[in-house]
Amino acid sequence: MSLPALHAMRSAFPEDHIAILARPWVADLYAREAVCDRVIPYTPVPGRGDLVAKWKAARALNKEQFDLALLLPNSFESAVIARVAGIPRIIGYNRDGRGFLLSDSVPAPKIHRHERFYYLELLKSAKLISAFPEDSPIHLTPAPDAGQALLATRGIGLPVIGVSPGAAYGNAKRWLPERFAESARELSTALNAQVALFGSPSERELCESVATAIGPQAHNLAGQTSLREFIDMASACRIFLTNDSGAMHIASALGVPTVTVFGSTDDVTTGPTGPFARIVREPVECSPCLRRECPIDHRCMTRIPASRVTATAFELLKC
């Protein structure tokens, strides 16, 4: 969601040194893009040790003598780190009781639009940019050749259908695994394609059940790729089937044709962007509810048949 704002920063300050303080598990997302000159890893530590980690991060930043800190997180701790680092200009939304720590305290916008504009509006309100395009798609640089080479090391040849049946926020966001399998199997047969299943280590069992239902052309890569490897492999996929998840954002940002099944969450505010993204959702009265678990019958997902996702995928492949 932050990438359009980071691209805007780079365009506004092409000659300036831009560093991104990022947690290690998302650092690869930024390190491969031209939005920054370098990524500084920040590793929080559970418990009381986290205070030491924050202090060390702030002192390390202090030695760098940065002129400006742009706080994309809303957290109090991000403002404390920037203040202890002695950065003279600290820009952020006045959230989480941190306004007194900011040099540029920006009121949070109340408009209801896609979340990527939340960060773009911060840049505009702070006068770092004068305007931004109304579409401002989320964009990542694809590397299909690198992805093809990585897939080949796993014994997977092209074409490849990417499938991500998990979702970190909760089960309410997950379409039925057996329907992912049914749709992927039909696409695989029609395209004579292999299927690569992606997910976190905790989703390996889920992905294995989907792979088993698809058949021998399916390969379970859940928990076996770094973020950088996943981005490269996803960029080599012919089409990607997913729930509302990080995998969805990455695949669509790479320009890969992406079909996303939405249920409990809101595609207006957090959906994928770009011309090759398609949303499948059932218009039920209780969706989007934004719940982690469905308290009733999960009708927003159970009423979506595999045939509907498959048809959407075939239609998208014609574009």
C-alpha atoms as a PDB file:
ATOM      1  CA  MET A   1       0.000   0.000   0.000  1.00  0.00           C
ATOM      2  CA  SER A   2       2.916   2.346   0.646  1.00  0.00           C
ATOM      3  CA  LEU A   3       4.609   1.836  -2.726  1.00  0.00           C
ATOM      4  CA  PRO A   4       2.755   4.584  -4.663  1.00  0.00           C
ATOM      5  CA  ALA A   5       3.778   7.100  -1.972  1.00  0.00           C
ATOM      6  CA  LEU A   6       7.377   5.885  -2.087  1.00  0.00           C
ATOM      7  CA  HIS A   7       7.440   6.166  -5.873  1.00  0.00           C
ATOM      8  CA  ALA A   8       6.062   9.693  -5.515  1.00  0.00           C
ATOM      9  CA  MET A   9       8.810  10.546  -3.025  1.00  0.00           C
ATOM     10  CA  ARG A  10      11.484   9.274  -5.359  1.00  0.00           C
ATOM     11  CA  SER A  11      10.039  11.323  -8.244  1.00  0.00           C
ATOM     12  CA  ALA A  12       9.887  14.442  -6.076  1.00  0.00           C
ATOM     13  CA  PHE A  13      13.420  13.988  -4.716  1.00  0.00           C
ATOM     14  CA  PRO A  14      15.370  12.154  -7.431  1.00  0.00           C
ATOM     15  CA  GLU A  15      18.809  13.194  -6.163  1.00  0.00           C
ATOM     16  CA  ASP A  16      18.211  12.761  -2.433  1.00  0.00           C
ATOM     17  CA  HIS A  17      19.345   9.776  -0.411  1.00  0.00           C
ATOM     18  CA  ILE A  18      16.269   7.817   0.662  1.00  0.00           C
ATOM     19  CA  ALA A  19      16.546   5.014   3.205  1.00  0.00           C
ATOM     20  CA  ILE A  20      13.705   2.823   4.446  1.00  0.00           C
ATOM     21  CA  LEU A  21      13.668   1.470   7.990  1.00  0.00           C
ATOM     22  CA  ALA A  22      11.866  -1.860   7.585  1.00  0.00           C
ATOM     23  CA  ARG A  23      11.269  -5.031   9.500  1.00  0.00           C
ATOM     24  CA  PRO A  24      13.336  -7.887   8.027  1.00  0.00           C
ATOM     25  CA  TRP A  25      10.373  -9.900   6.771  1.00  0.00           C
ATOM     26  CA  VAL A  26       9.274  -7.081   4.426  1.00  0.00           C
ATOM     27  CA  ALA A  27      12.694  -5.619   3.612  1.00  0.00           C
ATOM     28  CA  ASP A  28      12.957  -7.527   0.309  1.00  0.00           C
ATOM     29  CA  LEU A  29       9.826  -5.815  -0.934  1.00  0.00           C
ATOM     30  CA  TYR A  30      11.608  -2.457  -0.922  1.00  0.00           C
ATOM     31  CA  ALA A  31      15.206  -3.541  -1.540  1.00  0.00           C
ATOM     32  CA  ARG A  32      14.474  -4.677  -5.094  1.00  0.00           C
ATOM     33  CA  GLU A  33      12.761  -1.415  -6.071  1.00  0.00           C
ATOM     34  CA  ALA A  34      14.206   1.944  -7.151  1.00  0.00           C
ATOM     35  CA  VAL A  35      12.180   3.838  -4.523  1.00  0.00           C
ATOM     36  CA  CYS A  36      15.115   3.888  -2.100  1.00  0.00           C
ATOM     37  CA  ASP A  37      18.891   3.858  -1.976  1.00  0.00           C
ATOM     38  CA  ARG A  38      19.017   1.306   0.803  1.00  0.00           C
ATOM     39  CA  VAL A  39      16.968  -0.566   3.374  1.00  0.00           C
ATOM     40  CA  ILE A  40      17.881  -0.463   7.067  1.00  0.00           C
ATOM     41  CA  PRO A  41      16.608  -3.606   8.861  1.00  0.00           C
ATOM     42  CA  TYR A  42      14.796  -3.065  12.149  1.00  0.00           C
ATOM     43  CA  THR A  43      14.200  -6.160  14.272  1.00  0.00           C
ATOM     44  CA  PRO A  44      11.823  -5.797  17.221  1.00  0.00           C
ATOM     45  CA  VAL A  45      12.396  -8.094  20.204  1.00  0.00           C
ATOM     46  CA  PRO A  46       9.472  -9.539  22.205  1.00  0.00           C
ATOM     47  CA  GLY A  47       9.149  -8.413  25.806  1.00  0.00           C
ATOM     48  CA  ARG A  48      11.359  -5.906  27.589  1.00  0.00           C
ATOM     49  CA  GLY A  49      14.148  -6.483  25.081  1.00  0.00           C
ATOM     50  CA  ASP A  50      12.059  -4.587  22.540  1.00  0.00           C
ATOM     51  CA  LEU A  51      12.833  -1.313  24.352  1.00  0.00           C
ATOM     52  CA  VAL A  52      16.536  -2.009  23.910  1.00  0.00           C
ATOM     53  CA  ALA A  53      16.004  -2.793  20.204  1.00  0.00           C
ATOM     54  CA  LYS A  54      14.131   0.480  19.716  1.00  0.00           C
ATOM     55  CA  TRP A  55      16.835   2.433  21.543  1.00  0.00           C
ATOM     56  CA  LYS A  56      19.591   0.825  19.465  1.00  0.00           C
ATOM     57  CA  ALA A  57      17.704   1.525  16.224  1.00  0.00           C
ATOM     58  CA  ALA A  58      17.228   5.163  17.200  1.00  0.00           C
ATOM     59  CA  ARG A  59      20.885   5.620  18.156  1.00  0.00           C
ATOM     60  CA  ALA A  60      22.010   4.027  14.905  1.00  0.00           C
ATOM     61  CA  LEU A  61      19.794   6.426  12.953  1.00  0.00           C
ATOM     62  CA  ASN A  62      21.175   9.346  14.951  1.00  0.00           C
ATOM     63  CA  LYS A  63      24.637   8.692  13.514  1.00  0.00           C
ATOM     64  CA  GLU A  64      23.211   8.950   9.982  1.00  0.00           C
ATOM     65  CA  GLN A  65      22.066  12.571  10.474  1.00  0.00           C
ATOM     66  CA  PHE A  66      18.907  12.288   8.394  1.00  0.00           C
ATOM     67  CA  ASP A  67      17.127  15.556   7.534  1.00  0.00           C
ATOM     68  CA  LEU A  68      13.582  14.202   7.415  1.00  0.00           C
ATOM     69  CA  ALA A  69      11.596  11.233   8.664  1.00  0.00           C
ATOM     70  CA  LEU A  70       8.363  10.284   6.920  1.00  0.00           C
ATOM     71  CA  LEU A  71       6.313   8.042   9.227  1.00  0.00           C
ATOM     72  CA  LEU A  72       4.064   5.725   7.249  1.00  0.00           C
ATOM     73  CA  PRO A  73       3.063   3.634  10.291  1.00  0.00           C
ATOM     74  CA  ASN A  74       0.576   5.274  12.655  1.00  0.00           C
ATOM     75  CA  SER A  75       2.351   3.921  15.730  1.00  0.00           C
ATOM     76  CA  PHE A  76       3.622   5.923  18.693  1.00  0.00           C
ATOM     77  CA  GLU A  77       6.871   3.940  18.640  1.00  0.00           C
ATOM     78  CA  SER A  78       7.792   5.052  15.114  1.00  0.00           C
ATOM     79  CA  ALA A  79       7.604   8.687  16.252  1.00  0.00           C
ATOM     80  CA  VAL A  80       9.668   7.954  19.372  1.00  0.00           C
ATOM     81  CA  ILE A  81      12.413   6.296  17.299  1.00  0.00           C
ATOM     82  CA  ALA A  82      12.566   9.268  14.926  1.00  0.00           C
ATOM     83  CA  ARG A  83      12.635  11.745  17.818  1.00  0.00           C
ATOM     84  CA  VAL A  84      15.376   9.911  19.730  1.00  0.00           C
ATOM     85  CA  ALA A  85      17.299   9.697  16.437  1.00  0.00           C
ATOM     86  CA  GLY A  86      17.415  13.508  16.472  1.00  0.00           C
ATOM     87  CA  ILE A  87      15.810  13.907  13.053  1.00  0.00           C
ATOM     88  CA  PRO A  88      14.784  17.579  12.800  1.00  0.00           C
ATOM     89  CA  ARG A  89      11.720  17.181  10.604  1.00  0.00           C
ATOM     90  CA  ILE A  90       9.308  14.350  11.441  1.00  0.00           C
ATOM     91  CA  ILE A  91       6.170  14.045   9.327  1.00  0.00           C
ATOM     92  CA  GLY A  92       3.245  11.800  10.222  1.00  0.00           C
ATOM     93  CA  TYR A  93      -0.450  11.597  10.897  1.00  0.00           C
ATOM     94  CA  ASN A  94      -1.545  12.753  14.340  1.00  0.00           C
ATOM     95  CA  ARG A  95      -2.530   9.283  15.534  1.00  0.00           C
ATOM     96  CA  ASP A  96      -1.852   7.136  18.604  1.00  0.00           C
ATOM     97  CA  GLY A  97      -1.240  10.185  20.836  1.00  0.00           C
ATOM     98  CA  ARG A  98       2.033  11.064  19.119  1.00  0.00           C
ATOM     99  CA  GLY A  99       1.260  14.556  17.818  1.00  0.00           C
ATOM    100  CA  PHE A 100       3.652  16.276  20.250  1.00  0.00           C
ATOM    101  CA  LEU A 101       6.553  14.227  18.840  1.00  0.00           C
ATOM    102  CA  LEU A 102       5.987  15.389  15.246  1.00  0.00           C
ATOM    103  CA  SER A 103       7.303  18.548  13.632  1.00  0.00           C
ATOM    104  CA  ASP A 104       4.624  18.213  10.939  1.00  0.00           C
ATOM    105  CA  SER A 105       1.511  16.822  12.630  1.00  0.00           C
ATOM    106  CA  VAL A 106      -0.994  16.047   9.884  1.00  0.00           C
ATOM    107  CA  PRO A 107      -4.685  15.391  10.647  1.00  0.00           C
ATOM    108  CA  ALA A 108      -5.707  11.948   9.421  1.00  0.00           C
ATOM    109  CA  PRO A 109      -7.950  12.115   6.330  1.00  0.00           C
ATOM    110  CA  LYS A 110     -11.573  11.061   6.734  1.00  0.00           C
ATOM    111  CA  ILE A 111     -12.264  10.221   3.104  1.00  0.00           C
ATOM    112  CA  HIS A 112     -13.260   6.634   2.317  1.00  0.00           C
ATOM    113  CA  ARG A 113     -11.052   5.479  -0.533  1.00  0.00           C
ATOM    114  CA  HIS A 114      -8.366   2.937  -1.252  1.00  0.00           C
ATOM    115  CA  GLU A 115      -5.727   2.715   1.462  1.00  0.00           C
ATOM    116  CA  ARG A 116      -2.845   3.594  -0.855  1.00  0.00           C
ATOM    117  CA  PHE A 117      -4.242   7.147  -0.987  1.00  0.00           C
ATOM    118  CA  TYR A 118      -3.888   7.369   2.797  1.00  0.00           C
ATOM    119  CA  TYR A 119      -0.111   7.577   2.347  1.00  0.00           C
ATOM    120  CA  LEU A 120      -0.256   9.776  -0.741  1.00  0.00           C
ATOM    121  CA  GLU A 121      -2.449  12.267   1.117  1.00  0.00           C
ATOM    122  CA  LEU A 122       0.175  12.451   3.863  1.00  0.00           C
ATOM    123  CA  LEU A 123       2.811  13.509   1.323  1.00  0.00           C
ATOM    124  CA  LYS A 124       0.471  16.073  -0.208  1.00  0.00           C
ATOM    125  CA  SER A 125      -0.621  17.525   3.151  1.00  0.00           C
ATOM    126  CA  ALA A 126       3.029  17.879   4.184  1.00  0.00           C
ATOM    127  CA  LYS A 127       3.725  19.628   0.851  1.00  0.00           C
ATOM    128  CA  LEU A 128       6.299  17.035  -0.160  1.00  0.00           C
ATOM    129  CA  ILE A 129       4.327  16.626  -3.397  1.00  0.00           C
ATOM    130  CA  SER A 130       1.819  19.002  -4.968  1.00  0.00           C
ATOM    131  CA  ALA A 131      -0.481  16.353  -6.457  1.00  0.00           C
ATOM    132  CA  PHE A 132      -0.712  12.690  -7.393  1.00  0.00           C
ATOM    133  CA  PRO A 133      -2.497  10.758 -10.171  1.00  0.00           C
ATOM    134  CA  GLU A 134      -5.991   9.644  -9.310  1.00  0.00           C
ATOM    135  CA  ASP A 135      -5.228   6.065 -10.339  1.00  0.00           C
ATOM    136  CA  SER A 136      -1.745   5.732  -8.715  1.00  0.00           C
ATOM    137  CA  PRO A 137      -1.562   1.952  -9.111  1.00  0.00           C
ATOM    138  CA  ILE A 138       0.583  -0.218  -6.867  1.00  0.00           C
ATOM    139  CA  HIS A 139       3.548  -1.303  -8.961  1.00  0.00           C
ATOM    140  CA  LEU A 140       6.412  -3.732  -8.449  1.00  0.00           C
ATOM    141  CA  THR A 141       9.179  -4.440 -10.939  1.00  0.00           C
ATOM    142  CA  PRO A 142       8.640  -7.920 -12.407  1.00  0.00           C
ATOM    143  CA  ALA A 143      11.510 -10.351 -12.886  1.00  0.00           C
ATOM    144  CA  PRO A 144       9.973 -13.263 -14.828  1.00  0.00           C
ATOM    145  CA  ASP A 145      13.323 -14.647 -16.009  1.00  0.00           C
ATOM    146  CA  ALA A 146      14.598 -14.897 -12.442  1.00  0.00           C
ATOM    147  CA  GLY A 147      11.275 -16.417 -11.418  1.00  0.00           C
ATOM    148  CA  GLN A 148      11.396 -18.994 -14.206  1.00  0.00           C
ATOM    149  CA  ALA A 149      14.917 -20.004 -13.143  1.00  0.00           C
ATOM    150  CA  LEU A 150      13.821 -20.383  -9.515  1.00  0.00           C
ATOM    151  CA  LEU A 151      10.785 -22.446 -10.488  1.00  0.00           C
ATOM    152  CA  ALA A 152      13.008 -24.675 -12.628  1.00  0.00           C
ATOM    153  CA  THR A 153      15.145 -25.491  -9.573  1.00  0.00           C
ATOM    154  CA  ARG A 154      11.951 -26.881  -8.014  1.00  0.00           C
ATOM    155  CA  GLY A 155      11.201 -28.939 -11.109  1.00  0.00           C
ATOM    156  CA  ILE A 156       8.415 -26.609 -12.254  1.00  0.00           C
ATOM    157  CA  GLY A 157       8.250 -25.586 -15.904  1.00  0.00           C
ATOM    158  CA  LEU A 158       6.184 -22.911 -17.610  1.00  0.00           C
ATOM    159  CA  PRO A 159       3.362 -22.110 -17.889  1.00  0.00           C
ATOM    160  CA  VAL A 160       2.581 -21.897 -14.173  1.00  0.00           C
ATOM    161  CA  ILE A 161      -0.619 -21.102 -12.331  1.00  0.00           C
ATOM    162  CA  GLY A 162       0.020 -19.477  -8.966  1.00  0.00           C
ATOM    163  CA  VAL A 163      -2.364 -20.222  -6.093  1.00  0.00           C
ATOM    164  CA  SER A 164      -2.360 -18.721  -2.600  1.00  0.00           C
ATOM    165  CA  PRO A 165      -5.258 -20.244  -0.607  1.00  0.00           C
ATOM    166  CA  GLY A 166      -4.311 -18.761   2.772  1.00  0.00           C
ATOM    167  CA  ALA A 167      -4.824 -15.376   4.415  1.00  0.00           C
ATOM    168  CA  ALA A 168      -3.096 -14.042   7.512  1.00  0.00           C
ATOM    169  CA  TYR A 169      -5.962 -12.039   9.018  1.00  0.00           C
ATOM    170  CA  GLY A 170      -8.299 -14.983   9.687  1.00  0.00           C
ATOM    171  CA  ASN A 171     -10.421 -17.775   8.245  1.00  0.00           C
ATOM    172  CA  ALA A 172     -13.225 -15.368   7.286  1.00  0.00           C
ATOM    173  CA  LYS A 173     -11.011 -14.194   4.391  1.00  0.00           C
ATOM    174  CA  ARG A 174     -10.461 -17.702   3.043  1.00  0.00           C
ATOM    175  CA  TRP A 175     -12.342 -19.217   0.141  1.00  0.00           C
ATOM    176  CA  LEU A 176     -12.868 -22.969   0.384  1.00  0.00           C
ATOM    177  CA  PRO A 177      -9.635 -24.938  -0.285  1.00  0.00           C
ATOM    178  CA  GLU A 178     -11.401 -27.588  -2.367  1.00  0.00           C
ATOM    179  CA  ARG A 179     -12.756 -24.879  -4.679  1.00  0.00           C
ATOM    180  CA  PHE A 180      -9.292 -23.400  -5.154  1.00  0.00           C
ATOM    181  CA  ALA A 181      -8.239 -26.916  -6.139  1.00  0.00           C
ATOM    182  CA  GLU A 182     -11.158 -27.362  -8.542  1.00  0.00           C
ATOM    183  CA  SER A 183     -10.564 -24.049 -10.290  1.00  0.00           C
ATOM    184  CA  ALA A 184      -6.781 -24.529 -10.492  1.00  0.00           C
ATOM    185  CA  ARG A 185      -7.193 -28.066 -11.824  1.00  0.00           C
ATOM    186  CA  GLU A 186      -9.500 -26.915 -14.631  1.00  0.00           C
ATOM    187  CA  LEU A 187      -7.167 -24.060 -15.581  1.00  0.00           C
ATOM    188  CA  SER A 188      -4.182 -26.399 -15.456  1.00  0.00           C
ATOM    189  CA  THR A 189      -5.840 -28.815 -17.861  1.00  0.00           C
ATOM    190  CA  ALA A 190      -6.882 -26.073 -20.278  1.00  0.00           C
ATOM    191  CA  LEU A 191      -3.476 -24.357 -20.267  1.00  0.00           C
ATOM    192  CA  ASN A 192      -1.372 -27.519 -19.923  1.00  0.00           C
ATOM    193  CA  ALA A 193       0.203 -25.776 -16.945  1.00  0.00           C
ATOM    194  CA  GLN A 194       1.829 -26.665 -13.642  1.00  0.00           C
ATOM    195  CA  VAL A 195       0.406 -25.263 -10.406  1.00  0.00           C
ATOM    196  CA  ALA A 196       2.564 -23.634  -7.714  1.00  0.00           C
ATOM    197  CA  LEU A 197       1.027 -23.185  -4.277  1.00  0.00           C
ATOM    198  CA  PHE A 198       2.430 -20.385  -2.133  1.00  0.00           C
ATOM    199  CA  GLY A 199       1.996 -19.549   1.523  1.00  0.00           C
ATOM    200  CA  SER A 200       3.660 -19.099   4.887  1.00  0.00           C
ATOM    201  CA  PRO A 201       5.114 -22.004   6.895  1.00  0.00           C
ATOM    202  CA  SER A 202       1.903 -22.079   8.955  1.00  0.00           C
ATOM    203  CA  GLU A 203      -0.093 -22.549   5.736  1.00  0.00           C
ATOM    204  CA  ARG A 204       1.914 -25.511   4.464  1.00  0.00           C
ATOM    205  CA  GLU A 205      -0.674 -28.073   5.563  1.00  0.00           C
ATOM    206  CA  LEU A 206      -3.466 -26.056   3.940  1.00  0.00           C
ATOM    207  CA  CYS A 207      -1.503 -25.786   0.691  1.00  0.00           C
ATOM    208  CA  GLU A 208      -0.687 -29.503   0.801  1.00  0.00           C
ATOM    209  CA  SER A 209      -4.383 -30.365   0.963  1.00  0.00           C
ATOM    210  CA  VAL A 210      -5.025 -28.185  -2.090  1.00  0.00           C
ATOM    211  CA  ALA A 211      -2.049 -29.668  -3.944  1.00  0.00           C
ATOM    212  CA  THR A 212      -3.247 -33.202  -3.226  1.00  0.00           C
ATOM    213  CA  ALA A 213      -6.712 -32.370  -4.558  1.00  0.00           C
ATOM    214  CA  ILE A 214      -5.244 -30.857  -7.746  1.00  0.00           C
ATOM    215  CA  GLY A 215      -2.986 -33.790  -8.579  1.00  0.00           C
ATOM    216  CA  PRO A 216       0.604 -34.460  -9.635  1.00  0.00           C
ATOM    217  CA  GLN A 217       0.900 -31.188 -11.577  1.00  0.00           C
ATOM    218  CA  ALA A 218       0.701 -29.242  -8.299  1.00  0.00           C
ATOM    219  CA  HIS A 219       3.745 -28.247  -6.218  1.00  0.00           C
ATOM    220  CA  ASN A 220       3.515 -27.071  -2.618  1.00  0.00           C
ATOM    221  CA  LEU A 221       6.047 -24.256  -2.042  1.00  0.00           C
ATOM    222  CA  ALA A 222       4.455 -22.916   1.154  1.00  0.00           C
ATOM    223  CA  GLY A 223       7.127 -21.980   3.677  1.00  0.00           C
ATOM    224  CA  GLN A 224       9.909 -22.752   1.197  1.00  0.00           C
ATOM    225  CA  THR A 225      10.540 -19.334  -0.349  1.00  0.00           C
ATOM    226  CA  SER A 226      11.875 -16.017   0.865  1.00  0.00           C
ATOM    227  CA  LEU A 227       9.851 -12.918   0.075  1.00  0.00           C
ATOM    228  CA  ARG A 228      12.250 -12.037  -2.757  1.00  0.00           C
ATOM    229  CA  GLU A 229      11.940 -15.548  -4.217  1.00  0.00           C
ATOM    230  CA  PHE A 230       8.171 -15.427  -3.997  1.00  0.00           C
ATOM    231  CA  ILE A 231       8.045 -12.066  -5.790  1.00  0.00           C
ATOM    232  CA  ASP A 232      10.228 -13.401  -8.607  1.00  0.00           C
ATOM    233  CA  MET A 233       8.278 -16.659  -8.913  1.00  0.00           C
ATOM    234  CA  ALA A 234       4.933 -14.862  -8.865  1.00  0.00           C
ATOM    235  CA  SER A 235       6.076 -12.604 -11.702  1.00  0.00           C
ATOM    236  CA  ALA A 236       6.619 -15.728 -13.850  1.00  0.00           C
ATOM    237  CA  CYS A 237       3.054 -17.028 -13.329  1.00  0.00           C
ATOM    238  CA  ARG A 238       0.566 -17.026 -16.185  1.00  0.00           C
ATOM    239  CA  ILE A 239      -2.290 -16.287 -13.790  1.00  0.00           C
ATOM    240  CA  PHE A 240      -2.693 -16.097 -10.016  1.00  0.00           C
ATOM    241  CA  LEU A 241      -5.656 -17.228  -7.866  1.00  0.00           C
ATOM    242  CA  THR A 242      -5.806 -15.914  -4.316  1.00  0.00           C
ATOM    243  CA  ASN A 243      -7.747 -14.611  -1.344  1.00  0.00           C
ATOM    244  CA  ASP A 244      -7.372 -11.034  -0.100  1.00  0.00           C
ATOM    245  CA  SER A 245      -3.771 -11.312   1.087  1.00  0.00           C
ATOM    246  CA  GLY A 246      -0.234 -10.037   0.684  1.00  0.00           C
ATOM    247  CA  ALA A 247       0.192 -12.508  -2.182  1.00  0.00           C
ATOM    248  CA  MET A 248      -2.717 -10.816  -3.958  1.00  0.00           C
ATOM    249  CA  HIS A 249      -1.099  -7.388  -3.710  1.00  0.00           C
ATOM    250  CA  ILE A 250       2.259  -8.666  -4.916  1.00  0.00           C
ATOM    251  CA  ALA A 251       0.895 -10.633  -7.872  1.00  0.00           C
ATOM    252  CA  SER A 252      -1.326  -7.809  -9.095  1.00  0.00           C
ATOM    253  CA  ALA A 253       1.430  -5.213  -8.529  1.00  0.00           C
ATOM    254  CA  LEU A 254       3.685  -7.295 -10.780  1.00  0.00           C
ATOM    255  CA  GLY A 255       1.120  -7.058 -13.583  1.00  0.00           C
ATOM    256  CA  VAL A 256       0.259 -10.763 -13.354  1.00  0.00           C
ATOM    257  CA  PRO A 257      -3.401 -11.522 -14.201  1.00  0.00           C
ATOM    258  CA  THR A 258      -4.866 -11.982 -10.726  1.00  0.00           C
ATOM    259  CA  VAL A 259      -8.263 -13.284  -9.622  1.00  0.00           C
ATOM    260  CA  THR A 260      -9.072 -12.564  -5.963  1.00  0.00           C
ATOM    261  CA  VAL A 261     -11.984 -13.957  -3.978  1.00  0.00           C
ATOM    262  CA  PHE A 262     -13.218 -11.362  -1.484  1.00  0.00           C
ATOM    263  CA  GLY A 263     -15.578 -12.065   1.403  1.00  0.00           C
ATOM    264  CA  SER A 264     -15.242 -10.428   4.816  1.00  0.00           C
ATOM    265  CA  THR A 265     -12.947  -7.598   3.696  1.00  0.00           C
ATOM    266  CA  ASP A 266     -13.537  -4.515   1.561  1.00  0.00           C
ATOM    267  CA  ASP A 267     -12.062  -4.482  -1.950  1.00  0.00           C
ATOM    268  CA  VAL A 268     -12.837  -0.748  -2.241  1.00  0.00           C
ATOM    269  CA  THR A 269     -10.275   0.115   0.439  1.00  0.00           C
ATOM    270  CA  THR A 270      -7.792  -2.773   0.265  1.00  0.00           C
ATOM    271  CA  GLY A 271      -8.327  -4.437  -3.107  1.00  0.00           C
ATOM    272  CA  PRO A 272      -5.716  -4.972  -5.822  1.00  0.00           C
ATOM    273  CA  THR A 273      -5.032  -2.316  -8.442  1.00  0.00           C
ATOM    274  CA  GLY A 274      -4.097  -2.315 -12.090  1.00  0.00           C
ATOM    275  CA  PRO A 275      -5.759  -3.470 -15.331  1.00  0.00           C
ATOM    276  CA  PHE A 276      -5.119  -7.191 -14.809  1.00  0.00           C
ATOM    277  CA  ALA A 277      -6.836  -7.580 -11.426  1.00  0.00           C
ATOM    278  CA  ARG A 278     -10.328  -9.036 -11.089  1.00  0.00           C
ATOM    279  CA  ILE A 279     -12.498  -9.331  -7.984  1.00  0.00           C
ATOM    280  CA  VAL A 280     -14.963 -12.141  -7.332  1.00  0.00           C
ATOM    281  CA  ARG A 281     -17.352 -11.578  -4.480  1.00  0.00           C
ATOM    282  CA  GLU A 282     -20.891 -12.523  -3.477  1.00  0.00           C
ATOM    283  CA  PRO A 283     -23.073  -9.502  -2.575  1.00  0.00           C
ATOM    284  CA  VAL A 284     -24.472 -10.758   0.738  1.00  0.00           C
ATOM    285  CA  GLU A 285     -26.036  -8.433   3.322  1.00  0.00           C
ATOM    286  CA  CYS A 286     -23.329  -8.944   5.974  1.00  0.00           C
ATOM    287  CA  SER A 287     -20.263  -8.385   3.804  1.00  0.00           C
ATOM    288  CA  PRO A 288     -17.835  -6.740   4.239  1.00  0.00           C
ATOM    289  CA  CYS A 289     -17.949  -7.393   7.992  1.00  0.00           C
ATOM    290  CA  LEU A 290     -14.165  -7.174   8.603  1.00  0.00           C
ATOM    291  CA  ARG A 291     -14.363 -10.062  11.083  1.00  0.00           C
ATOM    292  CA  ARG A 292     -11.578 -12.596  11.554  1.00  0.00           C
ATOM    293  CA  GLU A 293     -14.008 -15.495  11.924  1.00  0.00           C
ATOM    294  CA  CYS A 294     -17.515 -15.811  10.515  1.00  0.00           C
ATOM    295  CA  PRO A 295     -20.137 -16.133  13.301  1.00  0.00           C
ATOM    296  CA  ILE A 296     -22.751 -17.659  10.962  1.00  0.00           C
ATOM    297  CA  ASP A 297     -22.445 -19.718   7.763  1.00  0.00           C
ATOM    298  CA  HIS A 298     -19.624 -17.970   5.836  1.00  0.00           C
ATOM    299  CA  ARG A 299     -22.111 -17.297   3.044  1.00  0.00           C
ATOM    300  CA  CYS A 300     -19.910 -14.668   1.389  1.00  0.00           C
ATOM    301  CA  MET A 301     -17.491 -17.476   0.475  1.00  0.00           C
ATOM    302  CA  THR A 302     -19.594 -20.645   0.346  1.00  0.00           C
ATOM    303  CA  ARG A 303     -21.919 -19.118  -2.267  1.00  0.00           C
ATOM    304  CA  ILE A 304     -19.051 -18.597  -4.736  1.00  0.00           C
ATOM    305  CA  PRO A 305     -18.639 -21.723  -6.887  1.00  0.00           C
ATOM    306  CA  ALA A 306     -15.346 -22.733  -8.455  1.00  0.00           C
ATOM    307  CA  SER A 307     -16.897 -22.306 -11.896  1.00  0.00           C
ATOM    308  CA  ARG A 308     -17.305 -18.576 -11.289  1.00  0.00           C
ATOM    309  CA  VAL A 309     -13.633 -18.095 -10.414  1.00  0.00           C
ATOM    310  CA  THR A 310     -12.563 -20.264 -13.349  1.00  0.00           C
ATOM    311  CA  ALA A 311     -14.739 -18.304 -15.778  1.00  0.00           C
ATOM    312  CA  THR A 312     -13.327 -15.015 -14.467  1.00  0.00           C
ATOM    313  CA  ALA A 313      -9.805 -16.348 -14.954  1.00  0.00           C
ATOM    314  CA  PHE A 314     -10.465 -17.445 -18.547  1.00  0.00           C
ATOM    315  CA  GLU A 315     -12.036 -14.066 -19.333  1.00  0.00           C
ATOM    316  CA  LEU A 316      -9.013 -12.280 -17.876  1.00  0.00           C
ATOM    317  CA  LEU A 317      -6.603 -14.411 -19.894  1.00  0.00           C
ATOM    318  CA  LYS A 318      -8.238 -13.142 -23.086  1.00  0.00           C
ATOM    319  CA  CYS A 319      -7.298  -9.523 -22.270  1.00  0.00           C
END
